Amino acid sequence: MRAFLKSSEGCFQLKPHTTTIGSHRGADIVLQSAGVADRHAALEFSASDNSFVLQDFNSPHGTFVNSCQVQNAAVRVRPGDILRFGTAGAAFELVLDGAAQVRLGGAALGRVPREGWGAW
């Protein structure tokens, strides 16, 4: 299964285990938008429970999932969630390639509701 962060600016394929995101050229996904820290965040895929976890590295301007700020915390994300890094960056949708789907059960980590949804 391949996963991507997709935006109007392009599509970034995620690494098999952990993908780092930041403005530093050593990041797996380099973003030059306002408010993106050198080491901003990471997305990790856990094969044991087929889930994705987004970790914010206490970035000064935050990471957002479905318009909810994540600050120095880890949250479970799922395909279709919208991620933003910093204050003025593009919105990225977490998407999966092909027929493989990720099944998410009860989350041990926090989950952020989709905007406009009253329930998980």
PDB file of N, CA and C in Angstrom:
ATOM      1  N   MET A   1       0.842  -1.175   0.000  1.00  0.00           N
ATOM      2  CA  MET A   1       0.000   0.000   0.000  1.00  0.00           C
ATOM      3  C   MET A   1       0.888   1.239   0.000  1.00  0.00           C
ATOM      4  N   ARG A   2       0.558   2.176  -0.870  1.00  0.00           N
ATOM      5  CA  ARG A   2       1.277   3.441  -0.898  1.00  0.00           C
ATOM      6  C   ARG A   2       0.354   4.544  -0.398  1.00  0.00           C
ATOM      7  N   ALA A   3       0.932   5.475   0.349  1.00  0.00           N
ATOM      8  CA  ALA A   3       0.162   6.598   0.882  1.00  0.00           C
ATOM      9  C   ALA A   3       0.823   7.896   0.429  1.00  0.00           C
ATOM     10  N   PHE A   4      -0.008   8.937   0.298  1.00  0.00           N
ATOM     11  CA  PHE A   4       0.457  10.218  -0.207  1.00  0.00           C
ATOM     12  C   PHE A   4      -0.160  11.359   0.582  1.00  0.00           C
ATOM     13  N   LEU A   5       0.544  12.494   0.587  1.00  0.00           N
ATOM     14  CA  LEU A   5      -0.051  13.764   0.986  1.00  0.00           C
ATOM     15  C   LEU A   5      -0.262  14.521  -0.317  1.00  0.00           C
ATOM     16  N   LYS A   6      -1.516  14.827  -0.618  1.00  0.00           N
ATOM     17  CA  LYS A   6      -1.885  15.427  -1.895  1.00  0.00           C
ATOM     18  C   LYS A   6      -2.423  16.838  -1.668  1.00  0.00           C
ATOM     19  N   SER A   7      -1.920  17.790  -2.472  1.00  0.00           N
ATOM     20  CA  SER A   7      -2.400  19.172  -2.388  1.00  0.00           C
ATOM     21  C   SER A   7      -2.440  19.772  -3.782  1.00  0.00           C
ATOM     22  N   SER A   8      -2.866  21.019  -3.859  1.00  0.00           N
ATOM     23  CA  SER A   8      -2.868  21.725  -5.140  1.00  0.00           C
ATOM     24  C   SER A   8      -1.444  21.960  -5.634  1.00  0.00           C
ATOM     25  N   GLU A   9      -0.469  21.886  -4.722  1.00  0.00           N
ATOM     26  CA  GLU A   9       0.935  22.106  -5.076  1.00  0.00           C
ATOM     27  C   GLU A   9       1.632  20.840  -5.542  1.00  0.00           C
ATOM     28  N   GLY A  10       0.994  19.694  -5.386  1.00  0.00           N
ATOM     29  CA  GLY A  10       1.614  18.443  -5.801  1.00  0.00           C
ATOM     30  C   GLY A  10       1.251  17.302  -4.885  1.00  0.00           C
ATOM     31  N   CYS A  11       1.928  16.189  -5.112  1.00  0.00           N
ATOM     32  CA  CYS A  11       1.645  14.968  -4.367  1.00  0.00           C
ATOM     33  C   CYS A  11       2.967  14.417  -3.834  1.00  0.00           C
ATOM     34  N   PHE A  12       3.021  14.150  -2.532  1.00  0.00           N
ATOM     35  CA  PHE A  12       4.229  13.633  -1.902  1.00  0.00           C
ATOM     36  C   PHE A  12       3.970  12.209  -1.427  1.00  0.00           C
ATOM     37  N   GLN A  13       4.772  11.257  -1.903  1.00  0.00           N
ATOM     38  CA  GLN A  13       4.616   9.876  -1.442  1.00  0.00           C
ATOM     39  C   GLN A  13       5.246   9.734  -0.062  1.00  0.00           C
ATOM     40  N   LEU A  14       4.535   9.067   0.844  1.00  0.00           N
ATOM     41  CA  LEU A  14       5.043   8.848   2.196  1.00  0.00           C
ATOM     42  C   LEU A  14       6.011   7.678   2.205  1.00  0.00           C
ATOM     43  N   LYS A  15       6.977   7.722   3.109  1.00  0.00           N
ATOM     44  CA  LYS A  15       7.931   6.629   3.294  1.00  0.00           C
ATOM     45  C   LYS A  15       7.203   5.434   3.912  1.00  0.00           C
ATOM     46  N   PRO A  16       7.770   4.229   3.806  1.00  0.00           N
ATOM     47  CA  PRO A  16       7.083   3.041   4.338  1.00  0.00           C
ATOM     48  C   PRO A  16       6.805   3.087   5.841  1.00  0.00           C
ATOM     49  N   HIS A  17       7.672   3.717   6.628  1.00  0.00           N
ATOM     50  CA  HIS A  17       7.475   3.721   8.079  1.00  0.00           C
ATOM     51  C   HIS A  17       7.234   5.132   8.610  1.00  0.00           C
ATOM     52  N   THR A  18       8.246   5.992   8.531  1.00  0.00           N
ATOM     53  CA  THR A  18       8.138   7.351   9.061  1.00  0.00           C
ATOM     54  C   THR A  18       8.555   8.361   8.002  1.00  0.00           C
ATOM     55  N   THR A  19       7.750   9.404   7.850  1.00  0.00           N
ATOM     56  CA  THR A  19       8.030  10.490   6.913  1.00  0.00           C
ATOM     57  C   THR A  19       8.140  11.780   7.714  1.00  0.00           C
ATOM     58  N   THR A  20       9.301  12.445   7.629  1.00  0.00           N
ATOM     59  CA  THR A  20       9.483  13.708   8.339  1.00  0.00           C
ATOM     60  C   THR A  20       9.060  14.871   7.442  1.00  0.00           C
ATOM     61  N   ILE A  21       8.542  15.916   8.088  1.00  0.00           N
ATOM     62  CA  ILE A  21       8.031  17.083   7.374  1.00  0.00           C
ATOM     63  C   ILE A  21       8.625  18.324   8.020  1.00  0.00           C
ATOM     64  N   GLY A  22       9.168  19.219   7.213  1.00  0.00           N
ATOM     65  CA  GLY A  22       9.742  20.447   7.741  1.00  0.00           C
ATOM     66  C   GLY A  22      10.339  21.302   6.650  1.00  0.00           C
ATOM     67  N   SER A  23      10.939  22.419   7.048  1.00  0.00           N
ATOM     68  CA  SER A  23      11.551  23.327   6.079  1.00  0.00           C
ATOM     69  C   SER A  23      13.025  23.014   5.845  1.00  0.00           C
ATOM     70  N   HIS A  24      13.613  22.158   6.674  1.00  0.00           N
ATOM     71  CA  HIS A  24      15.019  21.783   6.527  1.00  0.00           C
ATOM     72  C   HIS A  24      15.178  20.841   5.342  1.00  0.00           C
ATOM     73  N   ARG A  25      16.253  21.019   4.580  1.00  0.00           N
ATOM     74  CA  ARG A  25      16.434  20.202   3.374  1.00  0.00           C
ATOM     75  C   ARG A  25      16.602  18.713   3.678  1.00  0.00           C
ATOM     76  N   GLY A  26      16.860  18.363   4.928  1.00  0.00           N
ATOM     77  CA  GLY A  26      16.982  16.956   5.307  1.00  0.00           C
ATOM     78  C   GLY A  26      15.649  16.275   5.575  1.00  0.00           C
ATOM     79  N   ALA A  27      14.558  17.030   5.563  1.00  0.00           N
ATOM     80  CA  ALA A  27      13.231  16.443   5.790  1.00  0.00           C
ATOM     81  C   ALA A  27      12.830  15.618   4.568  1.00  0.00           C
ATOM     82  N   ASP A  28      12.013  14.594   4.795  1.00  0.00           N
ATOM     83  CA  ASP A  28      11.519  13.786   3.678  1.00  0.00           C
ATOM     84  C   ASP A  28      10.600  14.610   2.781  1.00  0.00           C
ATOM     85  N   ILE A  29       9.754  15.434   3.395  1.00  0.00           N
ATOM     86  CA  ILE A  29       8.907  16.369   2.653  1.00  0.00           C
ATOM     87  C   ILE A  29       9.318  17.771   3.088  1.00  0.00           C
ATOM     88  N   VAL A  30       9.900  18.524   2.164  1.00  0.00           N
ATOM     89  CA  VAL A  30      10.392  19.871   2.461  1.00  0.00           C
ATOM     90  C   VAL A  30       9.327  20.880   2.038  1.00  0.00           C
ATOM     91  N   LEU A  31       8.868  21.675   3.016  1.00  0.00           N
ATOM     92  CA  LEU A  31       7.866  22.712   2.777  1.00  0.00           C
ATOM     93  C   LEU A  31       8.475  24.064   3.121  1.00  0.00           C
ATOM     94  N   GLN A  32       8.340  25.020   2.238  1.00  0.00           N
ATOM     95  CA  GLN A  32       8.904  26.353   2.449  1.00  0.00           C
ATOM     96  C   GLN A  32       7.844  27.383   2.824  1.00  0.00           C
ATOM     97  N   SER A  33       6.666  26.940   3.188  1.00  0.00           N
ATOM     98  CA  SER A  33       5.569  27.846   3.543  1.00  0.00           C
ATOM     99  C   SER A  33       5.860  28.560   4.857  1.00  0.00           C
ATOM    100  N   ALA A  34       5.221  29.714   5.042  1.00  0.00           N
ATOM    101  CA  ALA A  34       5.369  30.486   6.275  1.00  0.00           C
ATOM    102  C   ALA A  34       4.948  29.655   7.481  1.00  0.00           C
ATOM    103  N   GLY A  35       5.755  29.707   8.513  1.00  0.00           N
ATOM    104  CA  GLY A  35       5.416  29.029   9.759  1.00  0.00           C
ATOM    105  C   GLY A  35       5.800  27.568   9.830  1.00  0.00           C
ATOM    106  N   VAL A  36       6.445  27.030   8.795  1.00  0.00           N
ATOM    107  CA  VAL A  36       6.884  25.633   8.839  1.00  0.00           C
ATOM    108  C   VAL A  36       8.270  25.600   9.471  1.00  0.00           C
ATOM    109  N   ALA A  37       8.397  24.864  10.579  1.00  0.00           N
ATOM    110  CA  ALA A  37       9.669  24.760  11.303  1.00  0.00           C
ATOM    111  C   ALA A  37      10.620  23.799  10.584  1.00  0.00           C
ATOM    112  N   ASP A  38      11.918  23.892  10.922  1.00  0.00           N
ATOM    113  CA  ASP A  38      12.907  22.974  10.343  1.00  0.00           C
ATOM    114  C   ASP A  38      12.477  21.520  10.527  1.00  0.00           C
ATOM    115  N   ARG A  39      12.177  21.161  11.769  1.00  0.00           N
ATOM    116  CA  ARG A  39      11.655  19.824  12.110  1.00  0.00           C
ATOM    117  C   ARG A  39      10.242  20.049  12.623  1.00  0.00           C
ATOM    118  N   HIS A  40       9.289  20.009  11.742  1.00  0.00           N
ATOM    119  CA  HIS A  40       7.928  20.404  12.082  1.00  0.00           C
ATOM    120  C   HIS A  40       7.090  19.244  12.613  1.00  0.00           C
ATOM    121  N   ALA A  41       7.065  18.137  11.857  1.00  0.00           N
ATOM    122  CA  ALA A  41       6.179  17.020  12.212  1.00  0.00           C
ATOM    123  C   ALA A  41       6.652  15.748  11.523  1.00  0.00           C
ATOM    124  N   ALA A  42       6.004  14.644  11.874  1.00  0.00           N
ATOM    125  CA  ALA A  42       6.268  13.365  11.205  1.00  0.00           C
ATOM    126  C   ALA A  42       4.968  12.588  11.091  1.00  0.00           C
ATOM    127  N   LEU A  43       4.875  11.809  10.026  1.00  0.00           N
ATOM    128  CA  LEU A  43       3.761  10.885   9.829  1.00  0.00           C
ATOM    129  C   LEU A  43       4.333   9.486   9.871  1.00  0.00           C
ATOM    130  N   GLU A  44       3.782   8.656  10.741  1.00  0.00           N
ATOM    131  CA  GLU A  44       4.280   7.291  10.903  1.00  0.00           C
ATOM    132  C   GLU A  44       3.174   6.302  10.573  1.00  0.00           C
ATOM    133  N   PHE A  45       3.542   5.266   9.805  1.00  0.00           N
ATOM    134  CA  PHE A  45       2.603   4.192   9.517  1.00  0.00           C
ATOM    135  C   PHE A  45       2.914   3.031  10.444  1.00  0.00           C
ATOM    136  N   SER A  46       1.901   2.536  11.120  1.00  0.00           N
ATOM    137  CA  SER A  46       2.046   1.387  12.006  1.00  0.00           C
ATOM    138  C   SER A  46       1.409   0.176  11.333  1.00  0.00           C
ATOM    139  N   ALA A  47       2.239  -0.762  10.886  1.00  0.00           N
ATOM    140  CA  ALA A  47       1.733  -1.956  10.205  1.00  0.00           C
ATOM    141  C   ALA A  47       0.964  -2.862  11.155  1.00  0.00           C
ATOM    142  N   SER A  48       1.288  -2.809  12.447  1.00  0.00           N
ATOM    143  CA  SER A  48       0.635  -3.709  13.404  1.00  0.00           C
ATOM    144  C   SER A  48      -0.860  -3.462  13.505  1.00  0.00           C
ATOM    145  N   ASP A  49      -1.285  -2.203  13.347  1.00  0.00           N
ATOM    146  CA  ASP A  49      -2.725  -1.925  13.394  1.00  0.00           C
ATOM    147  C   ASP A  49      -3.195  -1.117  12.179  1.00  0.00           C
ATOM    148  N   ASN A  50      -2.375  -1.108  11.116  1.00  0.00           N
ATOM    149  CA  ASN A  50      -2.733  -0.430   9.860  1.00  0.00           C
ATOM    150  C   ASN A  50      -3.258   0.981  10.083  1.00  0.00           C
ATOM    151  N   SER A  51      -2.478   1.786  10.780  1.00  0.00           N
ATOM    152  CA  SER A  51      -2.918   3.147  11.065  1.00  0.00           C
ATOM    153  C   SER A  51      -1.785   4.137  10.820  1.00  0.00           C
ATOM    154  N   PHE A  52      -2.162   5.402  10.707  1.00  0.00           N
ATOM    155  CA  PHE A  52      -1.212   6.496  10.560  1.00  0.00           C
ATOM    156  C   PHE A  52      -1.284   7.371  11.800  1.00  0.00           C
ATOM    157  N   VAL A  53      -0.123   7.815  12.275  1.00  0.00           N
ATOM    158  CA  VAL A  53      -0.049   8.710  13.425  1.00  0.00           C
ATOM    159  C   VAL A  53       0.747   9.944  13.006  1.00  0.00           C
ATOM    160  N   LEU A  54       0.169  11.112  13.256  1.00  0.00           N
ATOM    161  CA  LEU A  54       0.831  12.381  12.990  1.00  0.00           C
ATOM    162  C   LEU A  54       1.371  12.923  14.303  1.00  0.00           C
ATOM    163  N   GLN A  55       2.666  13.244  14.330  1.00  0.00           N
ATOM    164  CA  GLN A  55       3.322  13.780  15.524  1.00  0.00           C
ATOM    165  C   GLN A  55       3.813  15.187  15.224  1.00  0.00           C
ATOM    166  N   ASP A  56       3.334  16.169  15.972  1.00  0.00           N
ATOM    167  CA  ASP A  56       3.842  17.539  15.878  1.00  0.00           C
ATOM    168  C   ASP A  56       5.027  17.656  16.827  1.00  0.00           C
ATOM    169  N   PHE A  57       6.132  18.245  16.347  1.00  0.00           N
ATOM    170  CA  PHE A  57       7.345  18.375  17.156  1.00  0.00           C
ATOM    171  C   PHE A  57       7.403  19.725  17.870  1.00  0.00           C
ATOM    172  N   ASN A  58       6.306  20.129  18.497  1.00  0.00           N
ATOM    173  CA  ASN A  58       6.220  21.396  19.222  1.00  0.00           C
ATOM    174  C   ASN A  58       6.582  22.569  18.309  1.00  0.00           C
ATOM    175  N   SER A  59       6.067  22.523  17.104  1.00  0.00           N
ATOM    176  CA  SER A  59       6.340  23.582  16.128  1.00  0.00           C
ATOM    177  C   SER A  59       5.708  24.895  16.602  1.00  0.00           C
ATOM    178  N   PRO A  60       6.398  26.018  16.387  1.00  0.00           N
ATOM    179  CA  PRO A  60       5.891  27.299  16.883  1.00  0.00           C
ATOM    180  C   PRO A  60       4.516  27.684  16.335  1.00  0.00           C
ATOM    181  N   HIS A  61       4.225  27.311  15.091  1.00  0.00           N
ATOM    182  CA  HIS A  61       2.967  27.723  14.471  1.00  0.00           C
ATOM    183  C   HIS A  61       1.982  26.579  14.302  1.00  0.00           C
ATOM    184  N   GLY A  62       2.314  25.420  14.819  1.00  0.00           N
ATOM    185  CA  GLY A  62       1.366  24.322  14.890  1.00  0.00           C
ATOM    186  C   GLY A  62       1.153  23.519  13.626  1.00  0.00           C
ATOM    187  N   THR A  63       0.495  22.408  13.842  1.00  0.00           N
ATOM    188  CA  THR A  63       0.057  21.486  12.809  1.00  0.00           C
ATOM    189  C   THR A  63      -1.446  21.361  12.987  1.00  0.00           C
ATOM    190  N   PHE A  64      -2.166  21.258  11.895  1.00  0.00           N
ATOM    191  CA  PHE A  64      -3.625  21.228  11.959  1.00  0.00           C
ATOM    192  C   PHE A  64      -4.157  19.998  11.231  1.00  0.00           C
ATOM    193  N   VAL A  65      -5.122  19.334  11.847  1.00  0.00           N
ATOM    194  CA  VAL A  65      -5.816  18.201  11.238  1.00  0.00           C
ATOM    195  C   VAL A  65      -7.296  18.559  11.211  1.00  0.00           C
ATOM    196  N   ASN A  66      -7.849  18.638  10.007  1.00  0.00           N
ATOM    197  CA  ASN A  66      -9.259  19.014   9.852  1.00  0.00           C
ATOM    198  C   ASN A  66      -9.575  20.297  10.624  1.00  0.00           C
ATOM    199  N   SER A  67      -8.675  21.275  10.515  1.00  0.00           N
ATOM    200  CA  SER A  67      -8.792  22.609  11.130  1.00  0.00           C
ATOM    201  C   SER A  67      -8.618  22.625  12.647  1.00  0.00           C
ATOM    202  N   CYS A  68      -8.292  21.500  13.263  1.00  0.00           N
ATOM    203  CA  CYS A  68      -8.032  21.445  14.711  1.00  0.00           C
ATOM    204  C   CYS A  68      -6.523  21.421  14.938  1.00  0.00           C
ATOM    205  N   GLN A  69      -6.037  22.304  15.814  1.00  0.00           N
ATOM    206  CA  GLN A  69      -4.601  22.388  16.044  1.00  0.00           C
ATOM    207  C   GLN A  69      -4.094  21.226  16.883  1.00  0.00           C
ATOM    208  N   VAL A  70      -2.953  20.705  16.451  1.00  0.00           N
ATOM    209  CA  VAL A  70      -2.230  19.659  17.173  1.00  0.00           C
ATOM    210  C   VAL A  70      -0.911  20.296  17.589  1.00  0.00           C
ATOM    211  N   GLN A  71      -0.649  20.427  18.876  1.00  0.00           N
ATOM    212  CA  GLN A  71       0.572  21.072  19.350  1.00  0.00           C
ATOM    213  C   GLN A  71       1.331  20.118  20.250  1.00  0.00           C
ATOM    214  N   ASN A  72       2.532  19.722  19.814  1.00  0.00           N
ATOM    215  CA  ASN A  72       3.385  18.837  20.601  1.00  0.00           C
ATOM    216  C   ASN A  72       2.625  17.589  21.058  1.00  0.00           C
ATOM    217  N   ALA A  73       1.921  16.971  20.137  1.00  0.00           N
ATOM    218  CA  ALA A  73       1.114  15.790  20.457  1.00  0.00           C
ATOM    219  C   ALA A  73       1.089  14.861  19.254  1.00  0.00           C
ATOM    220  N   ALA A  74       0.604  13.651  19.487  1.00  0.00           N
ATOM    221  CA  ALA A  74       0.427  12.666  18.419  1.00  0.00           C
ATOM    222  C   ALA A  74      -1.056  12.353  18.294  1.00  0.00           C
ATOM    223  N   VAL A  75      -1.542  12.331  17.058  1.00  0.00           N
ATOM    224  CA  VAL A  75      -2.939  11.988  16.807  1.00  0.00           C
ATOM    225  C   VAL A  75      -3.010  10.984  15.661  1.00  0.00           C
ATOM    226  N   ARG A  76      -3.994  10.135  15.734  1.00  0.00           N
ATOM    227  CA  ARG A  76      -4.232   9.173  14.667  1.00  0.00           C
ATOM    228  C   ARG A  76      -4.962   9.901  13.540  1.00  0.00           C
ATOM    229  N   VAL A  77      -4.500   9.694  12.311  1.00  0.00           N
ATOM    230  CA  VAL A  77      -5.152  10.287  11.145  1.00  0.00           C
ATOM    231  C   VAL A  77      -5.546   9.176  10.186  1.00  0.00           C
ATOM    232  N   ARG A  78      -6.502   9.496   9.319  1.00  0.00           N
ATOM    233  CA  ARG A  78      -6.993   8.475   8.393  1.00  0.00           C
ATOM    234  C   ARG A  78      -7.116   9.081   6.996  1.00  0.00           C
ATOM    235  N   PRO A  79      -7.200   8.224   5.994  1.00  0.00           N
ATOM    236  CA  PRO A  79      -7.362   8.735   4.631  1.00  0.00           C
ATOM    237  C   PRO A  79      -8.565   9.677   4.551  1.00  0.00           C
ATOM    238  N   GLY A  80      -8.367  10.787   3.850  1.00  0.00           N
ATOM    239  CA  GLY A  80      -9.411  11.802   3.733  1.00  0.00           C
ATOM    240  C   GLY A  80      -9.224  12.960   4.688  1.00  0.00           C
ATOM    241  N   ASP A  81      -8.423  12.778   5.746  1.00  0.00           N
ATOM    242  CA  ASP A  81      -8.157  13.879   6.666  1.00  0.00           C
ATOM    243  C   ASP A  81      -7.337  14.956   5.952  1.00  0.00           C
ATOM    244  N   ILE A  82      -7.555  16.211   6.347  1.00  0.00           N
ATOM    245  CA  ILE A  82      -6.858  17.352   5.760  1.00  0.00           C
ATOM    246  C   ILE A  82      -5.839  17.867   6.772  1.00  0.00           C
ATOM    247  N   LEU A  83      -4.563  17.908   6.357  1.00  0.00           N
ATOM    248  CA  LEU A  83      -3.458  18.324   7.217  1.00  0.00           C
ATOM    249  C   LEU A  83      -2.880  19.638   6.712  1.00  0.00           C
ATOM    250  N   ARG A  84      -2.530  20.529   7.658  1.00  0.00           N
ATOM    251  CA  ARG A  84      -1.834  21.784   7.352  1.00  0.00           C
ATOM    252  C   ARG A  84      -0.646  21.908   8.298  1.00  0.00           C
ATOM    253  N   PHE A  85       0.437  22.460   7.776  1.00  0.00           N
ATOM    254  CA  PHE A  85       1.655  22.640   8.552  1.00  0.00           C
ATOM    255  C   PHE A  85       2.013  24.118   8.536  1.00  0.00           C
ATOM    256  N   GLY A  86       2.064  24.760   9.717  1.00  0.00           N
ATOM    257  CA  GLY A  86       2.364  26.179   9.787  1.00  0.00           C
ATOM    258  C   GLY A  86       1.134  27.031   9.576  1.00  0.00           C
ATOM    259  N   THR A  87       1.382  28.330   9.335  1.00  0.00           N
ATOM    260  CA  THR A  87       0.283  29.293   9.305  1.00  0.00           C
ATOM    261  C   THR A  87      -0.299  29.551   7.928  1.00  0.00           C
ATOM    262  N   ALA A  88       0.495  29.397   6.885  1.00  0.00           N
ATOM    263  CA  ALA A  88       0.008  29.810   5.567  1.00  0.00           C
ATOM    264  C   ALA A  88       0.236  28.763   4.488  1.00  0.00           C
ATOM    265  N   GLY A  89       0.426  27.535   4.891  1.00  0.00           N
ATOM    266  CA  GLY A  89       0.732  26.505   3.914  1.00  0.00           C
ATOM    267  C   GLY A  89      -0.491  25.921   3.239  1.00  0.00           C
ATOM    268  N   ALA A  90      -0.224  25.109   2.250  1.00  0.00           N
ATOM    269  CA  ALA A  90      -1.285  24.417   1.519  1.00  0.00           C
ATOM    270  C   ALA A  90      -1.933  23.362   2.405  1.00  0.00           C
ATOM    271  N   ALA A  91      -3.138  22.988   2.040  1.00  0.00           N
ATOM    272  CA  ALA A  91      -3.838  21.892   2.715  1.00  0.00           C
ATOM    273  C   ALA A  91      -3.470  20.598   2.000  1.00  0.00           C
ATOM    274  N   PHE A  92      -3.160  19.566   2.779  1.00  0.00           N
ATOM    275  CA  PHE A  92      -2.792  18.266   2.229  1.00  0.00           C
ATOM    276  C   PHE A  92      -3.815  17.230   2.655  1.00  0.00           C
ATOM    277  N   GLU A  93      -4.259  16.422   1.703  1.00  0.00           N
ATOM    278  CA  GLU A  93      -5.165  15.323   2.019  1.00  0.00           C
ATOM    279  C   GLU A  93      -4.360  14.036   2.088  1.00  0.00           C
ATOM    280  N   LEU A  94      -4.598  13.234   3.127  1.00  0.00           N
ATOM    281  CA  LEU A  94      -3.966  11.924   3.237  1.00  0.00           C
ATOM    282  C   LEU A  94      -4.747  10.968   2.343  1.00  0.00           C
ATOM    283  N   VAL A  95      -4.076  10.403   1.336  1.00  0.00           N
ATOM    284  CA  VAL A  95      -4.739   9.498   0.397  1.00  0.00           C
ATOM    285  C   VAL A  95      -3.962   8.197   0.278  1.00  0.00           C
ATOM    286  N   LEU A  96      -4.684   7.126  -0.033  1.00  0.00           N
ATOM    287  CA  LEU A  96      -4.084   5.819  -0.275  1.00  0.00           C
ATOM    288  C   LEU A  96      -4.175   5.493  -1.751  1.00  0.00           C
ATOM    289  N   ASP A  97      -3.200   4.747  -2.232  1.00  0.00           N
ATOM    290  CA  ASP A  97      -3.168   4.335  -3.623  1.00  0.00           C
ATOM    291  C   ASP A  97      -3.681   2.911  -3.750  1.00  0.00           C
ATOM    292  N   GLY A  98      -4.475   2.650  -4.766  1.00  0.00           N
ATOM    293  CA  GLY A  98      -4.924   1.298  -5.050  1.00  0.00           C
ATOM    294  C   GLY A  98      -6.111   0.882  -4.222  1.00  0.00           C
ATOM    295  N   ALA A  99      -6.379  -0.416  -4.260  1.00  0.00           N
ATOM    296  CA  ALA A  99      -7.569  -0.966  -3.603  1.00  0.00           C
ATOM    297  C   ALA A  99      -7.374  -1.187  -2.112  1.00  0.00           C
ATOM    298  N   ALA A 100      -6.120  -1.202  -1.653  1.00  0.00           N
ATOM    299  CA  ALA A 100      -5.875  -1.459  -0.229  1.00  0.00           C
ATOM    300  C   ALA A 100      -6.463  -0.337   0.608  1.00  0.00           C
ATOM    301  N   GLN A 101      -7.144  -0.686   1.635  1.00  0.00           N
ATOM    302  CA  GLN A 101      -7.744   0.295   2.527  1.00  0.00           C
ATOM    303  C   GLN A 101      -7.226   0.067   3.936  1.00  0.00           C
ATOM    304  N   VAL A 102      -7.093   1.137   4.676  1.00  0.00           N
ATOM    305  CA  VAL A 102      -6.651   1.053   6.059  1.00  0.00           C
ATOM    306  C   VAL A 102      -7.879   0.985   6.942  1.00  0.00           C
ATOM    307  N   ARG A 103      -7.935  -0.029   7.785  1.00  0.00           N
ATOM    308  CA  ARG A 103      -9.052  -0.170   8.719  1.00  0.00           C
ATOM    309  C   ARG A 103      -8.602   0.356  10.063  1.00  0.00           C
ATOM    310  N   LEU A 104      -9.365   1.287  10.596  1.00  0.00           N
ATOM    311  CA  LEU A 104      -9.028   1.885  11.877  1.00  0.00           C
ATOM    312  C   LEU A 104     -10.076   1.508  12.895  1.00  0.00           C
ATOM    313  N   GLY A 105      -9.635   0.909  13.974  1.00  0.00           N
ATOM    314  CA  GLY A 105     -10.543   0.577  15.060  1.00  0.00           C
ATOM    315  C   GLY A 105     -10.513   1.680  16.094  1.00  0.00           C
ATOM    316  N   GLY A 106     -10.841   1.336  17.330  1.00  0.00           N
ATOM    317  CA  GLY A 106     -10.769   2.308  18.418  1.00  0.00           C
ATOM    318  C   GLY A 106      -9.343   2.774  18.576  1.00  0.00           C
ATOM    319  N   ALA A 107      -9.156   4.051  18.631  1.00  0.00           N
ATOM    320  CA  ALA A 107      -7.818   4.616  18.659  1.00  0.00           C
ATOM    321  C   ALA A 107      -7.291   4.710  20.082  1.00  0.00           C
ATOM    322  N   ALA A 108      -6.059   4.261  20.253  1.00  0.00           N
ATOM    323  CA  ALA A 108      -5.395   4.425  21.539  1.00  0.00           C
ATOM    324  C   ALA A 108      -4.922   5.870  21.683  1.00  0.00           C
ATOM    325  N   LEU A 109      -4.599   6.494  20.538  1.00  0.00           N
ATOM    326  CA  LEU A 109      -4.195   7.893  20.540  1.00  0.00           C
ATOM    327  C   LEU A 109      -5.406   8.735  20.182  1.00  0.00           C
ATOM    328  N   GLY A 110      -5.305  10.033  20.414  1.00  0.00           N
ATOM    329  CA  GLY A 110      -6.419  10.918  20.099  1.00  0.00           C
ATOM    330  C   GLY A 110      -6.723  10.949  18.619  1.00  0.00           C
ATOM    331  N   ARG A 111      -7.967  11.171  18.272  1.00  0.00           N
ATOM    332  CA  ARG A 111      -8.377  11.354  16.886  1.00  0.00           C
ATOM    333  C   ARG A 111      -9.060  12.699  16.786  1.00  0.00           C
ATOM    334  N   VAL A 112      -8.926  13.309  15.644  1.00  0.00           N
ATOM    335  CA  VAL A 112      -9.512  14.616  15.427  1.00  0.00           C
ATOM    336  C   VAL A 112     -10.700  14.449  14.493  1.00  0.00           C
ATOM    337  N   PRO A 113     -11.873  14.963  14.872  1.00  0.00           N
ATOM    338  CA  PRO A 113     -13.048  14.795  14.012  1.00  0.00           C
ATOM    339  C   PRO A 113     -12.909  15.583  12.720  1.00  0.00           C
ATOM    340  N   ARG A 114     -13.562  15.085  11.672  1.00  0.00           N
ATOM    341  CA  ARG A 114     -13.587  15.822  10.417  1.00  0.00           C
ATOM    342  C   ARG A 114     -14.484  17.028  10.595  1.00  0.00           C
ATOM    343  N   GLU A 115     -14.120  18.095   9.957  1.00  0.00           N
ATOM    344  CA  GLU A 115     -14.878  19.334  10.052  1.00  0.00           C
ATOM    345  C   GLU A 115     -16.310  19.094   9.585  1.00  0.00           C
ATOM    346  N   GLY A 116     -17.258  19.536  10.390  1.00  0.00           N
ATOM    347  CA  GLY A 116     -18.651  19.417  10.015  1.00  0.00           C
ATOM    348  C   GLY A 116     -19.297  18.102  10.400  1.00  0.00           C
ATOM    349  N   TRP A 117     -18.539  17.177  10.941  1.00  0.00           N
ATOM    350  CA  TRP A 117     -19.099  15.893  11.353  1.00  0.00           C
ATOM    351  C   TRP A 117     -19.387  15.959  12.840  1.00  0.00           C
ATOM    352  N   GLY A 118     -20.532  15.486  13.231  1.00  0.00           N
ATOM    353  CA  GLY A 118     -20.884  15.498  14.641  1.00  0.00           C
ATOM    354  C   GLY A 118     -20.335  14.306  15.390  1.00  0.00           C
ATOM    355  N   ALA A 119     -19.901  13.284  14.674  1.00  0.00           N
ATOM    356  CA  ALA A 119     -19.397  12.066  15.318  1.00  0.00           C
ATOM    357  C   ALA A 119     -18.114  11.645  14.636  1.00  0.00           C
ATOM    358  N   TRP A 120     -17.455  10.707  15.228  1.00  0.00           N
ATOM    359  CA  TRP A 120     -16.227  10.167  14.656  1.00  0.00           C
ATOM    360  C   TRP A 120     -16.597   9.374  13.452  1.00  0.00           C
TER     361      TRP A 120
END
